[in-house]
């Protein structure tokens, strides 16, 4: 719908009486940027209708908001969160990952120069456990390389030394939620053979197990419904 309106708008011609120009002063932009510090925009990866009041009550409790917060639905699965205190805003953003109704809630700062239809919200950060590595390969460098095979590495969990002994390694990565989740990786150890490692995502919300994607749930997936119908007919 937005694209159709833009195409129509582009074909229109204006007379001087029909068209005006408004100049935005630089200090106005600074004011907007300053005001935007108390706002986050979020996308809830759930297709069904959401009770905004219930959402606010749950998230205020989970986020431990003390000075107040309001939520406004501004588009398809898009919400603006207004905090009375910018410190609470920053805390919520830094402590992602969050979910509501078992669905992923992706958050980012509200940018004053981005139109609503251009908001993508396609990336989210996860702590990922890497299982199956031999002890000799539990180094910071190998952990970072494995993390980069999942997404953009933001942080590695290491206790001051280059080695990290334990049942698994941990790495925080930013991943594209529109793509299939990586389940593991084959490591080719030159001169020693291959090793298979498994990725386990911490606090993983509901997602589509058929496609392995976070941008919709299995109960909303047409392919899953078709598979269940076929399976039901086969059993009959």
Protein backbone atom coordinates (compact mmCIF):
# COMPACT_ATOMS: atom_id res chain seq x y z
CA UNK A 1 0.00 0.00 0.00
CA UNK A 2 2.85 2.41 0.90
CA UNK A 3 4.63 1.66 -2.39
CA UNK A 4 1.45 2.30 -4.40
CA UNK A 5 0.93 5.67 -2.69
CA UNK A 6 4.55 6.67 -3.34
CA UNK A 7 4.21 5.76 -7.02
CA UNK A 8 1.04 7.84 -7.34
CA UNK A 9 2.67 10.72 -5.46
CA UNK A 10 5.65 10.60 -7.80
CA UNK A 11 3.38 10.97 -10.85
CA UNK A 12 1.62 14.05 -9.50
CA UNK A 13 2.54 17.52 -10.68
CA UNK A 14 2.02 20.65 -8.59
CA UNK A 15 1.40 24.27 -9.23
CA UNK A 16 3.02 26.87 -6.98
CA UNK A 17 -0.24 27.24 -5.07
CA UNK A 18 -0.47 23.49 -4.44
CA UNK A 19 3.12 22.95 -3.35
CA UNK A 20 4.94 24.38 -0.34
CA UNK A 21 8.43 24.08 1.08
CA UNK A 22 9.21 23.86 4.78
CA UNK A 23 12.76 24.34 6.02
CA UNK A 24 13.74 22.33 9.10
CA UNK A 25 16.31 24.16 11.21
CA UNK A 26 19.33 22.26 12.45
CA UNK A 27 18.55 22.99 16.10
CA UNK A 28 15.07 21.52 15.60
CA UNK A 29 16.72 18.25 14.59
CA UNK A 30 18.85 18.38 17.71
CA UNK A 31 15.72 18.86 19.81
CA UNK A 32 14.08 15.86 18.12
CA UNK A 33 17.21 13.76 18.67
CA UNK A 34 17.30 14.71 22.34
CA UNK A 35 13.60 13.89 22.81
CA UNK A 36 14.08 10.56 21.04
CA UNK A 37 16.46 9.34 23.76
CA UNK A 38 13.46 8.26 25.81
CA UNK A 39 11.91 6.23 23.00
CA UNK A 40 12.43 2.73 21.64
CA UNK A 41 10.74 1.16 18.66
CA UNK A 42 10.03 -2.54 18.71
CA UNK A 43 8.70 -5.32 16.52
CA UNK A 44 6.80 -8.24 18.03
CA UNK A 45 7.18 -11.35 15.89
CA UNK A 46 3.61 -12.46 16.35
CA UNK A 47 0.88 -12.13 13.73
CA UNK A 48 -2.18 -12.24 15.98
CA UNK A 49 -3.64 -9.11 17.59
CA UNK A 50 -2.02 -7.92 20.81
CA UNK A 51 -3.68 -6.42 23.87
CA UNK A 52 -1.47 -3.34 24.30
CA UNK A 53 -2.58 -2.71 27.89
CA UNK A 54 -1.72 -6.28 28.90
CA UNK A 55 1.58 -5.97 27.06
CA UNK A 56 2.43 -2.81 28.98
CA UNK A 57 1.61 -4.39 32.36
CA UNK A 58 3.71 -7.47 31.66
CA UNK A 59 6.72 -5.62 30.26
CA UNK A 60 6.73 -2.96 33.00
CA UNK A 61 6.96 -5.79 35.49
CA UNK A 62 9.62 -7.75 33.58
CA UNK A 63 11.68 -4.65 32.83
CA UNK A 64 11.23 -3.33 36.40
CA UNK A 65 10.17 0.09 35.14
CA UNK A 66 9.89 2.44 38.12
CA UNK A 67 9.22 5.86 36.58
CA UNK A 68 6.60 4.94 34.01
CA UNK A 69 6.33 3.82 30.40
CA UNK A 70 3.71 4.04 27.67
CA UNK A 71 3.25 1.89 24.56
CA UNK A 72 1.64 2.88 21.27
CA UNK A 73 0.99 0.56 18.33
CA UNK A 74 2.17 2.40 15.20
CA UNK A 75 2.06 -0.25 12.48
CA UNK A 76 1.95 -3.93 11.64
CA UNK A 77 3.55 -5.57 14.71
CA UNK A 78 5.38 -2.28 15.40
CA UNK A 79 5.25 -0.48 18.75
CA UNK A 80 6.80 2.67 20.20
CA UNK A 81 7.87 2.55 23.85
CA UNK A 82 8.14 5.89 25.69
CA UNK A 83 10.10 5.84 28.97
CA UNK A 84 9.97 8.63 31.51
CA UNK A 85 13.61 7.97 32.38
CA UNK A 86 16.28 7.54 29.67
CA UNK A 87 18.36 5.33 32.00
CA UNK A 88 15.55 2.77 32.06
CA UNK A 89 15.37 3.04 28.29
CA UNK A 90 19.08 2.22 27.93
CA UNK A 91 18.90 -0.64 30.44
CA UNK A 92 16.06 -2.33 28.56
CA UNK A 93 17.90 -1.98 25.25
CA UNK A 94 21.20 -3.32 26.57
CA UNK A 95 19.62 -6.33 28.29
CA UNK A 96 17.90 -7.73 25.20
CA UNK A 97 16.69 -10.45 24.45
CA UNK A 98 13.01 -9.97 25.35
CA UNK A 99 9.79 -11.72 24.48
CA UNK A 100 6.05 -11.32 24.98
CA UNK A 101 3.47 -14.12 24.63
CA UNK A 102 6.44 -16.41 23.90
CA UNK A 103 7.24 -14.32 20.80
CA UNK A 104 10.45 -12.42 20.16
CA UNK A 105 10.37 -8.64 20.73
CA UNK A 106 13.11 -6.86 18.78
CA UNK A 107 14.02 -3.37 20.00
CA UNK A 108 16.16 -0.49 18.79
CA UNK A 109 16.52 3.23 19.41
CA UNK A 110 14.01 5.48 17.68
CA UNK A 111 15.86 7.35 14.91
CA UNK A 112 14.47 10.78 14.15
CA UNK A 113 15.34 10.72 10.42
CA UNK A 114 13.90 7.27 9.57
CA UNK A 115 10.35 6.91 8.26
CA UNK A 116 8.10 4.29 9.80
CA UNK A 117 7.93 2.21 6.62
CA UNK A 118 11.74 2.09 6.50
CA UNK A 119 12.12 0.56 9.96
CA UNK A 120 13.46 -2.97 9.43
CA UNK A 121 14.27 -4.44 12.86
CA UNK A 122 15.86 -7.54 11.38
CA UNK A 123 18.64 -8.15 13.88
CA UNK A 124 18.67 -9.35 17.47
CA UNK A 125 21.40 -10.43 19.88
CA UNK A 126 21.59 -13.89 21.46
CA UNK A 127 23.91 -15.67 23.82
CA UNK A 128 24.81 -18.93 22.06
CA UNK A 129 26.35 -21.99 23.70
CA UNK A 130 28.81 -23.95 21.56
CA UNK A 131 28.76 -27.65 22.53
CA UNK A 132 30.98 -30.51 21.41
CA UNK A 133 34.38 -28.83 21.21
CA UNK A 134 37.47 -30.78 22.35
CA UNK A 135 39.13 -29.13 25.35
CA UNK A 136 42.19 -28.17 23.29
CA UNK A 137 40.02 -26.10 20.97
CA UNK A 138 38.33 -24.06 23.69
CA UNK A 139 40.22 -20.89 22.88
CA UNK A 140 38.98 -17.32 22.52
CA UNK A 141 40.04 -17.23 18.86
CA UNK A 142 38.16 -20.41 17.90
CA UNK A 143 35.13 -19.26 19.85
CA UNK A 144 35.14 -15.97 17.94
CA UNK A 145 35.48 -17.74 14.57
CA UNK A 146 32.58 -20.06 15.40
CA UNK A 147 30.53 -17.08 16.58
CA UNK A 148 31.18 -15.32 13.27
CA UNK A 149 29.71 -18.32 11.47
CA UNK A 150 26.42 -17.55 13.28
CA UNK A 151 26.36 -13.74 13.08
CA UNK A 152 28.21 -10.61 14.18
CA UNK A 153 30.18 -11.28 17.36
CA UNK A 154 29.50 -8.74 20.10
CA UNK A 155 31.02 -10.40 23.16
CA UNK A 156 32.79 -13.60 24.21
CA UNK A 157 32.41 -15.16 27.63
CA UNK A 158 35.96 -15.74 28.88
CA UNK A 159 37.47 -15.59 32.36
CA UNK A 160 40.59 -13.50 31.86
CA UNK A 161 42.66 -16.15 30.05
CA UNK A 162 42.91 -17.33 26.45
CA UNK A 163 41.43 -20.73 27.33
CA UNK A 164 37.93 -21.35 28.66
CA UNK A 165 37.43 -24.76 30.23
CA UNK A 166 33.94 -26.13 30.61
CA UNK A 167 31.16 -28.16 29.03
CA UNK A 168 30.62 -25.49 26.38
CA UNK A 169 31.70 -22.04 25.18
CA UNK A 170 29.49 -18.95 25.13
CA UNK A 171 29.42 -16.12 22.63
CA UNK A 172 26.98 -13.23 22.14
CA UNK A 173 26.12 -12.65 18.50
CA UNK A 174 23.80 -10.40 16.51
CA UNK A 175 21.86 -12.45 13.97
CA UNK A 176 19.51 -11.69 11.10
CA UNK A 177 16.14 -12.95 12.35
CA UNK A 178 14.74 -13.24 8.81
CA UNK A 179 17.20 -16.05 8.06
CA UNK A 180 17.31 -19.66 9.20
CA UNK A 181 18.94 -20.29 12.57
CA UNK A 182 22.30 -22.08 12.38
CA UNK A 183 22.12 -25.38 14.26
CA UNK A 184 25.81 -26.22 14.32
CA UNK A 185 29.06 -26.34 12.42
CA UNK A 186 31.58 -28.88 11.15
CA UNK A 187 35.12 -28.08 12.18
CA UNK A 188 37.89 -29.40 9.99
CA UNK A 189 40.96 -29.95 12.16
CA UNK A 190 43.92 -30.32 9.84
CA UNK A 191 45.78 -33.56 10.56
CA UNK A 192 43.20 -34.75 13.13
CA UNK A 193 39.86 -35.12 11.31
CA UNK A 194 36.52 -33.40 11.72
CA UNK A 195 34.50 -32.32 14.72
CA UNK A 196 30.78 -31.50 14.87
CA UNK A 197 29.69 -28.75 17.24
CA UNK A 198 26.12 -27.87 18.19
CA UNK A 199 24.75 -24.37 18.79
CA UNK A 200 22.21 -23.85 21.59
CA UNK A 201 20.51 -20.45 21.79
CA UNK A 202 19.77 -19.17 25.29
CA UNK A 203 16.27 -17.80 26.07
CA UNK A 204 15.06 -18.76 22.61
CA UNK A 205 11.37 -17.79 22.18
CA UNK A 206 8.83 -19.72 20.11
CA UNK A 207 9.76 -19.92 16.44
CA UNK A 208 9.03 -21.95 13.30
CA UNK A 209 10.74 -25.32 13.71
CA UNK A 210 9.96 -26.25 10.09
CA UNK A 211 11.95 -23.38 8.60
CA UNK A 212 14.11 -22.69 11.65
CA UNK A 213 13.22 -19.00 11.54
CA UNK A 214 12.28 -16.50 14.22
CA UNK A 215 10.14 -14.12 12.14
CA UNK A 216 7.05 -16.31 12.56
CA UNK A 217 5.84 -19.09 14.84
CA UNK A 218 5.13 -22.68 13.89
CA UNK A 219 1.39 -22.27 14.60
CA UNK A 220 1.30 -19.42 12.03
CA UNK A 221 3.22 -21.30 9.33
CA UNK A 222 1.17 -22.43 6.31
CA UNK A 223 3.72 -25.13 5.51
CA UNK A 224 3.39 -26.60 9.00
CA UNK A 225 -0.40 -26.68 8.69
CA UNK A 226 -0.15 -28.41 5.30
CA UNK A 227 2.25 -31.00 6.72
CA UNK A 228 -0.13 -31.73 9.60
CA UNK A 229 -3.05 -32.11 7.17
CA UNK A 230 -1.07 -34.56 5.03
CA UNK A 231 0.02 -36.49 8.12
CA UNK A 232 -3.57 -36.64 9.40
CA UNK A 233 -4.82 -38.00 6.06
CA UNK A 234 -2.02 -40.58 5.97
CA UNK A 235 -3.01 -41.87 9.43
CA UNK A 236 -6.63 -42.29 8.30
